[in-house]
Amino acid sequence: MELLLLIAMFYLGINIRFMDWNESSSISFLSLLPQAITFVFVMISSMALMGMYQLDSQLDFKAILFRLMPSMVLGFGLMTLIFYLIPEIYLGRGVLIIIMFLSLFGVLLVRSLLFKWPSMGMLQHRILVLGIGGSANELINQTKNMDYRKSKIVGFVPFYDEERCVPDSVVLPKKDSLMALINQYSVAEIIIATQERRGGNFPIQELLECKMHGIKVTDIAAFFEREQGHIRMDSFHPSWLIYGGGFDQSLLRSSIKRIFDLVASGILLIATLPIMLVTIFCILIEDGFPIFYRQERVGKGGRTFMILKFRSMSKNAEKDKDPQWAMADDPRVTWVGRVIRKLRIDELPQIVNVLENDMSFVGPRPERPYFVDILCTKVPYYNIRHSIKPGITGWAQVRYPYGASVEDTIEKLQYDLYYVKNHSLFLDVIILIHTVEVVILGKGGR
């Protein structure tokens, strides 16, 4: 739909710009087709890079505008560059600005309307849940914090003698087949939220019938992964990780990620060099040397390396003490340290670790061996995060507030598992966009 909208905005902009011209000067549809195709390709690519096709960019007007504005700026810059490289398709900055404004208004209006309709009951994705036990109750608790205008759970179907953990009001009596319930409630998807799936009581034939009629059947773990961008520790089966997709560690993916790391680190180093010089000066003035500190962290495959950061705590903050979790309003943090932690400036020297190939630009946060030993005994599957290189920024860092406890680690691990399973160049770009938002708005500082 957006492709057709952008084409329409392109030709509308052309007509507005040249509507005072006489007929002999008018330009035909076909003569502008190369420019139109180029414009649409550039704009779709720009919006994709800015996360316009990510699920959580579909929440509200503010979320759409936040990504649409930089998309238009990026698109304008790319179109200007293309005009310089290919003069044959040159349009002129004046007409391009008109087209950009029309596209901004059109995309904003259409998206706002489309994502408003589900909240009024139109175009809603209707879901039926199989199971009334603990997993089903967890689904209710989790969806309270999710934007559910685009989806609606119509009810929960009891499974065999499973103990009921959901309210009576949401339970649908299974008098007929699942297919009959599907037709009665116009359901488009079934979520399997029961732990017991063996034996003759599991309705495999009914589910197969639903599948054959085009109804989507989804495991609850896959549902959380899709809707919330993390893998729930209390709802997935190890076999789901083993037999499911993802976990791409191919040579091609590793090579693309390494190139991305080098390019992103080089750009960040050049862009933030003045900021780092000012930070060095401020640390010197407040607390003297050392400017940096090196600390042992655990990387890919459990191999340790020395991470480099700006010193944000007072000297000898952990002298003669066991390692401690960083805390909110930590008394060990200096005044300059509070500022650079809030803005994540203290992380910038890790660019060196990326260039040395100990870290990636995007990945799970590297932790200290002392805490890793503790967490590996208390948190199931914690070591999975060490199957890829740690990163300066990551999915858990931008999606979950800063935490410093075993409980927080479990919550963040769910996002780390999602990244390890689904990491790609596109997801890395999305994380970078979210990182900019986190830094600008000061989210998650400690």
Protein backbone atom coordinates (compact mmCIF):
# COMPACT_ATOMS: atom_id res chain seq x y z
CA MET A 1 0.00 0.00 0.00
CA GLU A 2 2.79 2.42 0.92
CA LEU A 3 4.46 1.81 -2.42
CA LEU A 4 1.33 2.99 -4.27
CA LEU A 5 0.96 5.91 -1.86
CA LEU A 6 4.51 7.14 -2.52
CA ILE A 7 3.99 6.88 -6.28
CA ALA A 8 0.77 8.90 -5.95
CA MET A 9 2.53 11.55 -3.83
CA PHE A 10 5.35 11.73 -6.38
CA TYR A 11 3.05 12.49 -9.31
CA LEU A 12 0.87 14.78 -7.21
CA GLY A 13 3.95 16.80 -6.31
CA ILE A 14 4.95 17.02 -9.97
CA ASN A 15 1.46 18.25 -10.92
CA ILE A 16 1.42 20.84 -8.14
CA ARG A 17 4.84 22.15 -9.14
CA PHE A 18 4.06 22.40 -12.87
CA MET A 19 0.30 23.00 -12.88
CA ASP A 20 0.69 26.56 -14.20
CA TRP A 21 2.59 25.37 -17.25
CA ASN A 22 0.85 25.12 -20.60
CA GLU A 23 -0.01 21.75 -22.10
CA SER A 24 2.92 21.68 -24.50
CA SER A 25 5.29 21.84 -21.53
CA SER A 26 3.61 19.07 -19.54
CA ILE A 27 5.50 15.89 -18.81
CA SER A 28 3.99 12.47 -19.43
CA PHE A 29 3.59 9.71 -16.85
CA LEU A 30 6.04 7.39 -18.61
CA SER A 31 8.73 10.04 -19.00
CA LEU A 32 8.92 10.38 -15.19
CA LEU A 33 8.73 6.67 -14.44
CA PRO A 34 12.52 6.24 -13.79
CA GLN A 35 12.43 9.14 -11.31
CA ALA A 36 9.30 7.75 -9.64
CA ILE A 37 10.78 4.25 -9.26
CA THR A 38 14.02 5.70 -7.88
CA PHE A 39 12.12 7.88 -5.40
CA VAL A 40 9.97 5.00 -4.15
CA PHE A 41 12.98 2.67 -3.77
CA VAL A 42 14.95 5.29 -1.85
CA MET A 43 12.04 6.17 0.46
CA ILE A 44 11.11 2.56 1.23
CA SER A 45 14.78 1.82 2.00
CA SER A 46 15.09 4.92 4.19
CA MET A 47 11.96 4.08 6.16
CA ALA A 48 13.12 0.49 6.60
CA LEU A 49 16.48 1.69 7.94
CA MET A 50 14.66 3.93 10.42
CA GLY A 51 12.53 1.07 11.71
CA MET A 52 9.28 2.05 9.99
CA TYR A 53 8.52 -1.61 9.27
CA GLN A 54 9.26 -2.84 12.77
CA LEU A 55 6.31 -3.98 14.90
CA ASP A 56 6.76 -1.42 17.67
CA SER A 57 6.83 1.47 15.17
CA GLN A 58 3.11 0.84 14.65
CA LEU A 59 1.98 1.92 18.09
CA ASP A 60 0.95 5.55 17.91
CA PHE A 61 1.30 8.90 16.18
CA LYS A 62 4.45 9.82 18.12
CA ALA A 63 6.21 6.55 17.28
CA ILE A 64 5.40 6.97 13.58
CA LEU A 65 6.54 10.60 13.49
CA PHE A 66 9.76 9.85 15.40
CA ARG A 67 10.91 7.50 12.62
CA LEU A 68 9.26 9.21 9.68
CA MET A 69 11.00 12.58 10.09
CA PRO A 70 14.58 11.21 9.91
CA SER A 71 13.44 8.86 7.12
CA MET A 72 12.45 11.86 5.03
CA VAL A 73 15.72 13.68 5.77
CA LEU A 74 17.72 10.58 4.83
CA GLY A 75 15.61 10.09 1.69
CA PHE A 76 16.12 13.72 0.62
CA GLY A 77 19.88 13.39 1.08
CA LEU A 78 20.04 10.15 -0.91
CA MET A 79 17.90 11.56 -3.72
CA THR A 80 20.14 14.64 -3.93
CA LEU A 81 23.19 12.37 -4.14
CA ILE A 82 21.55 10.27 -6.87
CA PHE A 83 20.72 13.45 -8.86
CA TYR A 84 24.41 14.38 -8.67
CA LEU A 85 25.57 10.92 -9.78
CA ILE A 86 22.85 10.44 -12.46
CA PRO A 87 22.01 13.87 -13.93
CA GLU A 88 19.60 12.28 -16.44
CA ILE A 89 16.95 11.80 -13.74
CA TYR A 90 17.43 15.23 -12.11
CA LEU A 91 14.19 16.83 -10.89
CA GLY A 92 15.28 19.86 -8.93
CA ARG A 93 15.33 20.49 -5.19
CA GLY A 94 12.16 22.59 -5.29
CA VAL A 95 9.91 19.87 -6.69
CA LEU A 96 11.65 17.26 -4.50
CA ILE A 97 10.83 19.27 -1.37
CA ILE A 98 7.16 19.42 -2.41
CA ILE A 99 7.10 15.67 -3.00
CA MET A 100 8.78 15.06 0.37
CA PHE A 101 6.22 17.15 2.26
CA LEU A 102 3.35 15.41 0.50
CA SER A 103 4.87 12.00 1.25
CA LEU A 104 5.38 12.93 4.91
CA PHE A 105 1.77 14.02 5.25
CA GLY A 106 0.40 11.05 3.26
CA VAL A 107 2.35 8.33 5.11
CA LEU A 108 1.62 9.92 8.50
CA LEU A 109 -2.11 10.19 7.75
CA VAL A 110 -2.51 6.68 6.31
CA ARG A 111 -0.49 4.98 9.06
CA SER A 112 -2.33 6.87 11.80
CA LEU A 113 -5.67 5.81 10.35
CA LEU A 114 -4.64 2.20 9.78
CA PHE A 115 -3.30 1.77 13.31
CA LYS A 116 -6.30 3.56 14.80
CA TRP A 117 -8.85 1.21 13.21
CA PRO A 118 -7.88 -1.87 15.29
CA SER A 119 -8.52 0.06 18.53
CA MET A 120 -12.09 0.60 17.30
CA GLY A 121 -12.52 -3.12 16.59
CA MET A 122 -11.80 -2.90 12.85
CA LEU A 123 -9.16 -5.12 11.23
CA GLN A 124 -8.34 -6.70 14.60
CA HIS A 125 -6.33 -9.91 14.63
CA ARG A 126 -8.48 -12.26 16.72
CA ILE A 127 -6.70 -14.92 18.80
CA LEU A 128 -7.90 -18.09 20.53
CA VAL A 129 -5.71 -19.57 23.30
CA LEU A 130 -5.55 -23.33 23.93
CA GLY A 131 -4.90 -23.84 27.65
CA ILE A 132 -6.04 -22.36 30.97
CA GLY A 133 -3.02 -23.17 33.15
CA GLY A 134 0.02 -21.21 34.32
CA SER A 135 1.26 -20.40 30.83
CA ALA A 136 -2.15 -19.05 29.85
CA ASN A 137 -2.20 -16.88 32.96
CA GLU A 138 1.30 -15.62 32.12
CA LEU A 139 -0.03 -14.67 28.71
CA ILE A 140 -2.74 -12.55 30.36
CA ASN A 141 -0.19 -10.86 32.65
CA GLN A 142 2.23 -10.13 29.83
CA THR A 143 -0.35 -8.80 27.39
CA LYS A 144 -1.47 -6.22 29.96
CA ASN A 145 1.80 -4.40 29.20
CA MET A 146 1.51 -4.82 25.43
CA ASP A 147 -0.22 -2.55 22.93
CA TYR A 148 -3.18 -4.72 22.00
CA ARG A 149 -5.14 -2.45 19.73
CA LYS A 150 -4.19 -4.56 16.72
CA SER A 151 -5.02 -7.93 18.36
CA LYS A 152 -7.74 -9.34 20.58
CA ILE A 153 -7.76 -12.55 22.62
CA VAL A 154 -11.33 -13.85 22.29
CA GLY A 155 -10.98 -16.51 24.99
CA PHE A 156 -9.17 -19.52 26.49
CA VAL A 157 -10.12 -23.12 25.72
CA PRO A 158 -9.69 -25.71 28.52
CA PHE A 159 -7.28 -28.54 27.83
CA TYR A 160 -8.05 -31.94 29.39
CA ASP A 161 -7.69 -31.78 33.23
CA GLU A 162 -5.32 -28.80 33.34
CA GLU A 163 -5.65 -26.73 36.52
CA ARG A 164 -7.41 -23.43 35.81
CA CYS A 165 -5.26 -20.36 36.50
CA VAL A 166 -7.22 -17.82 34.44
CA PRO A 167 -10.48 -16.01 35.35
CA ASP A 168 -13.76 -17.82 34.64
CA SER A 169 -14.90 -14.90 32.50
CA VAL A 170 -12.32 -15.59 29.77
CA VAL A 171 -12.83 -19.37 29.54
CA LEU A 172 -14.78 -20.66 26.53
CA PRO A 173 -16.60 -23.97 27.05
CA LYS A 174 -15.42 -26.47 24.43
CA LYS A 175 -18.72 -28.07 23.45
CA ASP A 176 -17.80 -28.48 19.78
CA SER A 177 -14.59 -28.77 17.80
CA LEU A 178 -11.90 -26.12 17.68
CA MET A 179 -12.94 -25.38 14.11
CA ALA A 180 -16.46 -24.56 15.29
CA LEU A 181 -15.05 -22.08 17.81
CA ILE A 182 -12.84 -20.60 15.09
CA ASN A 183 -15.87 -19.93 12.90
CA GLN A 184 -18.00 -18.69 15.79
CA TYR A 185 -15.49 -16.08 16.95
CA SER A 186 -13.84 -15.29 13.57
CA VAL A 187 -10.43 -16.34 14.88
CA ALA A 188 -7.28 -15.93 12.78
CA GLU A 189 -4.71 -17.54 15.11
CA ILE A 190 -4.50 -20.20 17.83
CA ILE A 191 -1.85 -19.92 20.56
CA ILE A 192 -0.77 -23.16 22.26
CA ALA A 193 -0.34 -22.23 25.94
CA THR A 194 -0.31 -25.65 27.58
CA GLN A 195 2.79 -27.43 28.85
CA GLU A 196 1.50 -30.99 28.39
CA ARG A 197 1.44 -31.86 24.69
CA ARG A 198 1.80 -35.61 24.68
CA GLY A 199 -0.69 -38.47 24.74
CA GLY A 200 -4.08 -38.87 23.13
CA ASN A 201 -5.63 -35.89 24.88
CA PHE A 202 -3.76 -33.28 22.87
CA PRO A 203 -6.09 -32.22 19.99
CA ILE A 204 -3.54 -32.71 17.23
CA GLN A 205 -6.15 -33.65 14.60
CA GLU A 206 -8.30 -30.61 15.40
CA LEU A 207 -5.27 -28.33 15.23
CA LEU A 208 -4.30 -29.89 11.91
CA GLU A 209 -7.80 -29.23 10.60
CA CYS A 210 -7.53 -25.57 11.67
CA LYS A 211 -4.11 -25.33 10.01
CA MET A 212 -5.50 -26.75 6.77
CA HIS A 213 -8.19 -24.04 6.81
CA GLY A 214 -5.59 -21.27 6.95
CA ILE A 215 -5.65 -20.67 10.71
CA LYS A 216 -2.22 -19.81 12.12
CA VAL A 217 -1.11 -22.10 15.00
CA THR A 218 1.61 -20.59 17.21
CA ASP A 219 3.52 -21.82 20.24
CA ILE A 220 3.32 -19.40 23.19
CA ALA A 221 7.11 -18.98 23.22
CA ALA A 222 7.05 -17.99 19.53
CA PHE A 223 4.18 -15.60 20.27
CA PHE A 224 6.16 -13.79 22.98
CA GLU A 225 9.20 -13.72 20.69
CA ARG A 226 7.17 -12.15 17.88
CA GLU A 227 5.12 -9.69 19.92
CA GLN A 228 7.52 -8.62 22.66
CA GLY A 229 10.94 -9.07 21.11
CA HIS A 230 12.20 -11.45 23.80
CA ILE A 231 12.12 -15.15 24.63
CA ARG A 232 10.23 -15.90 27.84
CA MET A 233 12.31 -18.13 30.12
CA ASP A 234 9.19 -19.59 31.75
CA SER A 235 7.32 -20.55 28.60
CA PHE A 236 9.73 -22.09 26.10
CA HIS A 237 10.96 -25.66 25.74
CA PRO A 238 14.67 -26.40 25.08
CA SER A 239 13.58 -28.47 22.07
CA TRP A 240 11.99 -25.32 20.62
CA LEU A 241 15.43 -23.66 20.64
CA ILE A 242 17.05 -26.77 19.15
CA TYR A 243 14.58 -27.42 16.33
CA GLY A 244 13.53 -23.83 15.67
CA GLY A 245 15.12 -21.38 13.27
CA GLY A 246 17.64 -18.67 13.96
CA PHE A 247 21.10 -18.78 15.57
CA ASP A 248 22.82 -17.92 12.29
CA GLN A 249 26.58 -18.30 12.80
CA SER A 250 27.45 -18.79 9.13
CA LEU A 251 30.61 -17.39 7.58
CA LEU A 252 28.54 -14.96 5.48
CA ARG A 253 26.70 -13.59 8.53
CA SER A 254 29.96 -13.33 10.52
CA SER A 255 31.68 -11.50 7.66
CA ILE A 256 28.80 -9.04 7.21
CA LYS A 257 28.72 -8.39 10.96
CA ARG A 258 32.48 -7.77 11.07
CA ILE A 259 32.29 -5.28 8.20
CA PHE A 260 29.37 -3.57 9.92
CA ASP A 261 31.38 -3.40 13.17
CA LEU A 262 34.36 -1.77 11.47
CA VAL A 263 32.28 0.75 9.52
CA ALA A 264 30.05 1.70 12.47
CA SER A 265 33.02 1.96 14.85
CA GLY A 266 34.97 4.12 12.44
CA ILE A 267 32.04 6.51 11.96
CA LEU A 268 31.38 6.66 15.72
CA LEU A 269 35.06 7.30 16.47
CA ILE A 270 35.21 10.25 14.07
CA ALA A 271 31.84 11.66 15.18
CA THR A 272 32.54 11.45 18.93
CA LEU A 273 36.24 12.34 19.03
CA PRO A 274 35.56 15.93 20.24
CA ILE A 275 33.22 14.57 22.95
CA MET A 276 35.86 12.11 24.11
CA LEU A 277 38.52 14.85 24.28
CA VAL A 278 36.21 17.01 26.43
CA THR A 279 35.49 13.98 28.65
CA ILE A 280 39.22 13.35 29.15
CA PHE A 281 39.72 16.98 30.16
CA CYS A 282 36.79 16.90 32.63
CA ILE A 283 37.98 13.67 34.30
CA LEU A 284 41.45 15.16 34.68
CA ILE A 285 40.12 18.36 36.24
CA GLU A 286 37.83 16.59 38.72
CA ASP A 287 39.79 13.53 39.81
CA GLY A 288 43.08 13.35 37.92
CA PHE A 289 44.60 10.21 36.45
CA PRO A 290 43.82 7.52 35.39
CA ILE A 291 41.46 8.60 32.61
CA PHE A 292 40.54 5.08 31.55
CA TYR A 293 40.13 1.84 33.38
CA ARG A 294 40.48 -1.69 32.13
CA GLN A 295 38.42 -4.52 33.55
CA GLU A 296 38.19 -8.22 32.79
CA ARG A 297 35.00 -9.28 31.02
CA VAL A 298 33.72 -12.52 29.49
CA GLY A 299 33.39 -12.61 25.71
CA LYS A 300 32.52 -15.09 22.98
CA GLY A 301 32.97 -18.72 23.96
CA GLY A 302 33.69 -17.77 27.57
CA ARG A 303 37.05 -16.25 26.64
CA THR A 304 37.99 -13.26 28.82
CA PHE A 305 39.31 -9.93 27.59
CA MET A 306 40.04 -6.50 29.06
CA ILE A 307 37.33 -3.95 28.38
CA LEU A 308 38.26 -0.27 28.07
CA LYS A 309 36.01 2.48 29.48
CA PHE A 310 36.26 6.03 30.75
CA ARG A 311 36.71 6.00 34.51
CA SER A 312 33.43 7.09 36.08
CA MET A 313 34.07 6.03 39.70
CA SER A 314 36.46 7.32 42.31
CA LYS A 315 39.92 5.79 42.44
CA ASN A 316 40.17 2.31 44.00
CA ALA A 317 36.35 2.05 44.20
CA GLU A 318 36.57 -1.70 44.81
CA LYS A 319 39.89 -1.92 46.58
CA ASP A 320 39.95 -4.85 49.03
CA LYS A 321 36.29 -5.61 48.25
CA ASP A 322 34.46 -8.22 46.22
CA PRO A 323 33.00 -6.99 42.89
CA GLN A 324 29.71 -5.21 43.39
CA TRP A 325 26.68 -4.53 41.19
CA ALA A 326 26.48 -0.91 40.02
CA MET A 327 23.60 0.83 41.79
CA ALA A 328 21.34 3.81 41.12
CA ASP A 329 22.94 6.89 42.72
CA ASP A 330 26.06 4.83 43.45
CA PRO A 331 28.19 6.83 45.94
CA ARG A 332 31.36 5.60 44.24
CA VAL A 333 30.48 7.50 41.03
CA THR A 334 32.08 10.92 40.51
CA TRP A 335 30.16 13.98 39.31
CA VAL A 336 31.63 13.67 35.80
CA GLY A 337 30.95 9.94 36.01
CA ARG A 338 27.23 10.54 36.58
CA VAL A 339 27.03 12.69 33.46
CA ILE A 340 28.96 10.36 31.17
CA ARG A 341 27.06 7.31 32.47
CA LYS A 342 23.72 9.00 31.85
CA LEU A 343 24.73 9.84 28.29
CA ARG A 344 26.59 6.51 27.79
CA ILE A 345 29.80 8.41 26.99
CA ASP A 346 31.72 6.12 29.35
CA GLU A 347 31.17 3.29 26.84
CA LEU A 348 32.85 5.06 23.89
CA PRO A 349 36.42 3.74 24.47
CA GLN A 350 35.03 0.25 23.82
CA ILE A 351 35.41 1.17 20.15
CA VAL A 352 38.99 -0.03 20.67
CA ASN A 353 37.68 -3.43 21.81
CA VAL A 354 35.55 -3.64 18.66
CA LEU A 355 38.53 -2.82 16.44
CA GLU A 356 40.56 -5.48 18.27
CA ASN A 357 37.74 -7.99 17.52
CA ASP A 358 37.02 -8.75 21.18
CA MET A 359 33.58 -7.15 20.87
CA SER A 360 30.98 -6.32 18.24
CA PHE A 361 29.25 -2.99 17.90
CA VAL A 362 25.93 -4.70 18.73
CA GLY A 363 25.58 -7.68 21.03
CA PRO A 364 24.87 -8.78 24.62
CA ARG A 365 26.51 -6.68 27.34
CA PRO A 366 29.80 -8.29 28.49
CA GLU A 367 29.81 -9.21 32.17
CA ARG A 368 32.60 -9.75 34.71
CA PRO A 369 33.80 -13.34 35.36
CA TYR A 370 32.84 -13.06 39.05
CA PHE A 371 29.19 -12.39 38.17
CA VAL A 372 29.17 -14.85 35.24
CA ASP A 373 30.15 -17.69 37.60
CA ILE A 374 27.25 -16.76 39.91
CA LEU A 375 24.72 -16.26 37.12
CA CYS A 376 25.58 -19.51 35.33
CA THR A 377 24.57 -21.44 38.47
CA LYS A 378 21.38 -19.45 39.08
CA VAL A 379 20.08 -18.59 35.60
CA PRO A 380 19.27 -21.39 33.11
CA TYR A 381 20.76 -21.02 29.61
CA TYR A 382 22.83 -17.96 30.66
CA ASN A 383 25.83 -19.26 28.72
CA ILE A 384 23.91 -19.08 25.43
CA ARG A 385 24.64 -15.33 25.33
CA HIS A 386 28.35 -16.18 25.06
CA SER A 387 27.83 -17.90 21.69
CA ILE A 388 28.35 -14.53 19.98
CA LYS A 389 30.62 -11.57 20.72
CA PRO A 390 29.38 -9.01 23.28
CA GLY A 391 28.56 -5.49 22.12
CA ILE A 392 28.79 -1.81 23.03
CA THR A 393 25.02 -1.63 22.67
CA GLY A 394 22.44 -4.37 22.35
CA TRP A 395 18.79 -5.42 22.23
CA ALA A 396 18.58 -5.85 26.01
CA GLN A 397 20.19 -2.45 26.66
CA VAL A 398 17.66 -0.55 24.54
CA ARG A 399 14.59 -2.57 25.50
CA TYR A 400 15.05 -3.03 29.26
CA PRO A 401 15.98 -0.39 31.89
CA TYR A 402 19.40 -0.69 33.51
CA GLY A 403 19.34 -3.36 36.21
CA ALA A 404 21.80 -4.72 38.74
CA SER A 405 20.48 -7.94 40.30
CA VAL A 406 19.95 -11.59 39.44
CA GLU A 407 16.26 -10.87 38.74
CA ASP A 408 17.16 -8.07 36.34
CA THR A 409 19.71 -10.34 34.69
CA ILE A 410 17.01 -12.96 34.01
CA GLU A 411 14.78 -10.31 32.45
CA LYS A 412 17.61 -8.99 30.27
CA LEU A 413 18.67 -12.52 29.31
CA GLN A 414 15.28 -12.95 27.63
CA TYR A 415 16.18 -10.08 25.27
CA ASP A 416 19.72 -11.38 24.81
CA LEU A 417 18.36 -14.78 23.79
CA TYR A 418 16.10 -13.08 21.26
CA TYR A 419 19.09 -11.26 19.77
CA VAL A 420 21.31 -14.37 19.70
CA LYS A 421 18.52 -16.27 17.93
CA ASN A 422 17.49 -13.53 15.48
CA HIS A 423 20.54 -11.31 15.01
CA SER A 424 20.85 -9.83 11.53
CA LEU A 425 22.12 -6.68 9.83
CA PHE A 426 18.60 -5.24 9.84
CA LEU A 427 18.19 -5.87 13.59
CA ASP A 428 21.61 -4.28 14.23
CA VAL A 429 20.47 -1.13 12.41
CA ILE A 430 17.23 -1.09 14.43
CA ILE A 431 19.22 -1.35 17.66
CA LEU A 432 21.45 1.56 16.62
CA ILE A 433 18.36 3.70 15.98
CA HIS A 434 16.98 2.77 19.40
CA THR A 435 20.37 3.52 20.96
CA VAL A 436 20.26 7.06 19.61
CA GLU A 437 16.79 7.44 21.18
CA VAL A 438 18.06 6.05 24.52
CA VAL A 439 21.02 8.45 24.57
CA ILE A 440 19.00 11.51 23.54
CA LEU A 441 16.23 10.84 26.09
CA GLY A 442 18.61 9.61 28.79
CA LYS A 443 16.80 6.29 29.23
CA GLY A 444 18.36 3.56 31.30
CA GLY A 445 21.23 5.63 32.71
CA ARG A 446 22.56 4.52 36.05
